């Protein structure tokens, strides 16, 4: 896998032309993900716009103003469409941009979301609660007080892996009401990104240097087969977004917000890595699709 070369297929300005024509300031992208039902790439912006583009040509398919604020998280739905969340709202849109669900959150402290089998979704918050959200009825189905804020989440089977604002990565179990099974001190500041594939967990985050919060220069790798133990650290300048290749379980894509990313094998500690640079230099994140090994950056 690491011997393959990646090259640019297409690029596009994701900010909607109709918004630009009305005089709105161009907003940076925050997220990108692939549709699970159609050959589409969904993108989100700082001001709440969602757009879908045909993949890989990146012709604009639809665009909607989904939120009034920054889209903090986005998940593709089985059969097509996308779940998106801002700090104070949750929306579901079909592949053509049709609004299927709209929910306003009074607390206004949503930080992330993840799909869940029983109700449909879990919402992470800046408060100490995780929220079960019923995607079928569009209502909050319940809360769990977990004692800490949550900045990012990923599911793997019965596990919900949560990165916290205080730098811990917590492995929670859906079967025990999201009780914390293991806690890993990952970084000094908030956890910025994490991913889980097979028995491997990776994380990156923030720390304070010279009075400022900056990205750590390490990606941390853990084995979660029995408990959770640290395997290795991969050095990288300012990792901001992580994603495992969906087919090759130890191949990891690491992206910095400066536009540099590497493709590396975590089992050799990142000794053999392919480095790429994408322009423009500020990148929101990365999404890898197995079928054609296409990345959305």
Foldseek 3Di string as FASTA:
>chain_A
DQVDDDDDDDDDQPFDPVCVVVPDDRFAWADWEAAQAAQWIWTATQQQKIWIAHPPHRHTQEIDRHDRGGWQEKDHDHNAWIWIDALFKIWTAGNNRHTDAIDGHPVSFFQYKDADPPQGIWTFGQAQKIWRARPVVRGTPDIDRNPFGFHYWDDDVQWIWTWGQQQKIFTFGVVVVRHTPAIDRGARGTWQEWDDFDQKIKTWDWDDDPRDIATDQWIWMWGPPPNIDTDAIAGHPAFREKDAARPDRQWIWTDHQQQKIWTAGVNVRRPDIDIDGDPPGGDNYWYADNPVRDIDD
